[in-house]
């Protein structure tokens, strides 16, 4: 798995949706929710998105366009 994004939940959800539109599955890791359930806080980048590295070539343009738009 390859990390393609770290940031806020709102931005992560938007990018996840764009990647899934082209048929690539995305794994979303929510560090804030995990920390909350564990009983402690987390001030780091809250959400990370991962894809299978075999599909990076397919999603690279989507990621770059997303970065340019934000």
N, C-alpha and C. Protein backbone atom coordinates (compact mmCIF):
# COMPACT_ATOMS: atom_id res chain seq x y z
N UNK A 1 0.84 -1.17 0.00
CA UNK A 1 0.00 0.00 0.00
C UNK A 1 0.89 1.24 0.00
N UNK A 2 0.42 2.25 -0.67
CA UNK A 2 1.18 3.49 -0.83
C UNK A 2 0.33 4.66 -0.34
N UNK A 3 0.91 5.49 0.56
CA UNK A 3 0.18 6.65 1.04
C UNK A 3 0.19 7.73 -0.02
N UNK A 4 -1.02 8.25 -0.34
CA UNK A 4 -1.13 9.28 -1.36
C UNK A 4 -1.62 10.61 -0.81
N UNK A 5 -2.07 10.62 0.46
CA UNK A 5 -2.58 11.87 1.04
C UNK A 5 -2.56 11.79 2.55
N UNK A 6 -2.25 12.93 3.18
CA UNK A 6 -2.40 13.13 4.63
C UNK A 6 -2.99 14.51 4.82
N UNK A 7 -4.04 14.61 5.61
CA UNK A 7 -4.64 15.92 5.84
C UNK A 7 -5.97 15.82 6.54
N UNK A 8 -6.79 16.82 6.31
CA UNK A 8 -8.08 16.89 6.99
C UNK A 8 -9.06 15.86 6.44
N UNK A 9 -10.05 15.54 7.24
CA UNK A 9 -11.06 14.57 6.83
C UNK A 9 -11.85 15.06 5.62
N UNK A 10 -12.14 16.35 5.56
CA UNK A 10 -12.91 16.90 4.45
C UNK A 10 -12.16 16.74 3.13
N UNK A 11 -10.88 17.13 3.12
CA UNK A 11 -10.08 17.00 1.90
C UNK A 11 -9.85 15.54 1.53
N UNK A 12 -9.62 14.71 2.54
CA UNK A 12 -9.40 13.28 2.29
C UNK A 12 -10.64 12.65 1.66
N UNK A 13 -11.80 13.00 2.17
CA UNK A 13 -13.04 12.44 1.62
C UNK A 13 -13.25 12.88 0.17
N UNK A 14 -12.94 14.14 -0.13
CA UNK A 14 -13.08 14.64 -1.50
C UNK A 14 -12.13 13.91 -2.45
N UNK A 15 -10.87 13.74 -2.05
CA UNK A 15 -9.92 13.05 -2.90
C UNK A 15 -10.28 11.57 -3.05
N UNK A 16 -10.69 10.95 -1.96
CA UNK A 16 -11.09 9.54 -2.00
C UNK A 16 -12.20 9.34 -3.03
N UNK A 17 -13.16 10.22 -3.03
CA UNK A 17 -14.27 10.13 -3.97
C UNK A 17 -13.78 10.24 -5.42
N UNK A 18 -12.86 11.18 -5.67
CA UNK A 18 -12.33 11.37 -7.03
C UNK A 18 -11.55 10.14 -7.50
N UNK A 19 -10.77 9.55 -6.60
CA UNK A 19 -10.00 8.36 -6.97
C UNK A 19 -10.93 7.18 -7.23
N UNK A 20 -11.94 7.01 -6.39
CA UNK A 20 -12.86 5.90 -6.58
C UNK A 20 -13.69 6.04 -7.85
N UNK A 21 -13.89 7.27 -8.32
CA UNK A 21 -14.62 7.49 -9.58
C UNK A 21 -13.91 6.86 -10.77
N UNK A 22 -12.59 6.72 -10.70
CA UNK A 22 -11.85 6.10 -11.81
C UNK A 22 -11.62 4.61 -11.57
N UNK A 23 -12.26 4.06 -10.54
CA UNK A 23 -12.24 2.63 -10.32
C UNK A 23 -11.11 2.08 -9.48
N UNK A 24 -10.47 2.92 -8.67
CA UNK A 24 -9.38 2.46 -7.80
C UNK A 24 -9.86 2.50 -6.35
N UNK A 25 -9.67 1.39 -5.65
CA UNK A 25 -10.08 1.29 -4.25
C UNK A 25 -9.10 2.08 -3.37
N UNK A 26 -9.66 2.79 -2.38
CA UNK A 26 -8.86 3.62 -1.48
C UNK A 26 -9.09 3.16 -0.05
N UNK A 27 -7.99 3.02 0.70
CA UNK A 27 -8.06 2.72 2.12
C UNK A 27 -7.89 4.03 2.89
N UNK A 28 -8.84 4.34 3.76
CA UNK A 28 -8.82 5.58 4.55
C UNK A 28 -8.50 5.24 6.00
N UNK A 29 -7.44 5.84 6.53
CA UNK A 29 -7.05 5.63 7.91
C UNK A 29 -7.31 6.93 8.67
N UNK A 30 -8.23 6.89 9.62
CA UNK A 30 -8.62 8.07 10.39
C UNK A 30 -7.94 8.04 11.75
N UNK A 31 -6.84 8.79 11.89
CA UNK A 31 -6.07 8.78 13.13
C UNK A 31 -6.78 9.47 14.28
N UNK A 32 -7.60 10.47 14.01
CA UNK A 32 -8.32 11.16 15.08
C UNK A 32 -9.34 10.22 15.70
N UNK A 33 -10.09 9.51 14.86
CA UNK A 33 -11.10 8.58 15.38
C UNK A 33 -10.42 7.47 16.17
N UNK A 34 -9.32 6.97 15.69
CA UNK A 34 -8.59 5.93 16.40
C UNK A 34 -8.09 6.44 17.75
N UNK A 35 -7.56 7.65 17.78
CA UNK A 35 -7.06 8.23 19.03
C UNK A 35 -8.20 8.45 20.02
N UNK A 36 -9.32 8.93 19.51
CA UNK A 36 -10.48 9.18 20.38
C UNK A 36 -10.96 7.88 21.01
N UNK A 37 -11.05 6.83 20.21
CA UNK A 37 -11.49 5.54 20.74
C UNK A 37 -10.49 4.96 21.74
N UNK A 38 -9.21 5.31 21.57
CA UNK A 38 -8.18 4.86 22.49
C UNK A 38 -8.11 5.68 23.77
N UNK A 39 -8.83 6.80 23.80
CA UNK A 39 -8.88 7.61 25.02
C UNK A 39 -7.86 8.73 25.07
N UNK A 40 -7.24 9.06 23.97
CA UNK A 40 -6.29 10.17 23.96
C UNK A 40 -6.45 10.96 22.68
N UNK A 41 -5.94 12.18 22.67
CA UNK A 41 -6.07 13.05 21.51
C UNK A 41 -4.93 12.88 20.53
N UNK A 42 -5.12 13.43 19.34
CA UNK A 42 -4.10 13.37 18.30
C UNK A 42 -4.15 14.67 17.53
N UNK A 43 -3.03 15.39 17.48
CA UNK A 43 -2.99 16.66 16.78
C UNK A 43 -2.28 16.58 15.43
N UNK A 44 -1.83 15.38 15.05
CA UNK A 44 -1.16 15.20 13.77
C UNK A 44 -2.15 15.31 12.63
N UNK A 45 -1.64 15.14 11.42
CA UNK A 45 -2.53 15.11 10.26
C UNK A 45 -3.51 13.97 10.47
N UNK A 46 -4.76 14.31 10.41
CA UNK A 46 -5.82 13.44 10.89
C UNK A 46 -6.07 12.20 10.05
N UNK A 47 -6.12 12.36 8.74
CA UNK A 47 -6.58 11.27 7.88
C UNK A 47 -5.53 10.99 6.81
N UNK A 48 -5.30 9.71 6.54
CA UNK A 48 -4.37 9.29 5.50
C UNK A 48 -5.12 8.42 4.50
N UNK A 49 -4.77 8.56 3.23
CA UNK A 49 -5.34 7.72 2.18
C UNK A 49 -4.24 6.86 1.57
N UNK A 50 -4.57 5.61 1.34
CA UNK A 50 -3.63 4.66 0.76
C UNK A 50 -4.27 3.98 -0.45
N UNK A 51 -3.45 3.68 -1.45
CA UNK A 51 -3.89 2.90 -2.61
C UNK A 51 -2.88 1.78 -2.84
N UNK A 52 -3.28 0.79 -3.60
CA UNK A 52 -2.35 -0.24 -4.04
C UNK A 52 -1.36 0.43 -4.99
N UNK A 53 -0.09 0.28 -4.73
CA UNK A 53 0.92 1.01 -5.52
C UNK A 53 0.89 0.65 -7.00
N UNK A 54 0.31 -0.48 -7.36
CA UNK A 54 0.20 -0.84 -8.78
C UNK A 54 -0.66 0.15 -9.56
N UNK A 55 -1.55 0.87 -8.87
CA UNK A 55 -2.48 1.78 -9.53
C UNK A 55 -2.03 3.24 -9.48
N UNK A 56 -0.82 3.49 -8.99
CA UNK A 56 -0.37 4.87 -8.86
C UNK A 56 -0.36 5.60 -10.20
N UNK A 57 0.09 4.96 -11.23
CA UNK A 57 0.11 5.59 -12.55
C UNK A 57 -1.27 6.01 -13.01
N UNK A 58 -2.27 5.23 -12.64
CA UNK A 58 -3.65 5.52 -13.02
C UNK A 58 -4.22 6.71 -12.24
N UNK A 59 -3.82 6.85 -10.97
CA UNK A 59 -4.41 7.91 -10.13
C UNK A 59 -3.53 9.15 -10.01
N UNK A 60 -2.31 9.11 -10.50
CA UNK A 60 -1.40 10.24 -10.34
C UNK A 60 -1.98 11.54 -10.88
N UNK A 61 -2.58 11.50 -12.06
CA UNK A 61 -3.16 12.72 -12.64
C UNK A 61 -4.30 13.26 -11.78
N UNK A 62 -5.10 12.37 -11.22
CA UNK A 62 -6.21 12.78 -10.35
C UNK A 62 -5.67 13.48 -9.10
N UNK A 63 -4.63 12.91 -8.52
CA UNK A 63 -4.03 13.48 -7.31
C UNK A 63 -3.42 14.85 -7.60
N UNK A 64 -2.68 14.95 -8.70
CA UNK A 64 -2.06 16.22 -9.05
C UNK A 64 -3.09 17.30 -9.32
N UNK A 65 -4.17 16.96 -10.03
CA UNK A 65 -5.22 17.93 -10.30
C UNK A 65 -5.89 18.36 -9.00
N UNK A 66 -6.09 17.43 -8.09
CA UNK A 66 -6.69 17.74 -6.79
C UNK A 66 -5.81 18.72 -6.03
N UNK A 67 -4.51 18.48 -6.02
CA UNK A 67 -3.58 19.37 -5.32
C UNK A 67 -3.57 20.77 -5.93
N UNK A 68 -3.71 20.84 -7.23
CA UNK A 68 -3.74 22.15 -7.90
C UNK A 68 -5.03 22.91 -7.56
N UNK A 69 -6.11 22.17 -7.34
CA UNK A 69 -7.40 22.79 -7.07
C UNK A 69 -7.56 23.29 -5.64
N UNK A 70 -6.77 22.75 -4.70
CA UNK A 70 -6.94 23.18 -3.31
C UNK A 70 -6.07 24.34 -2.93
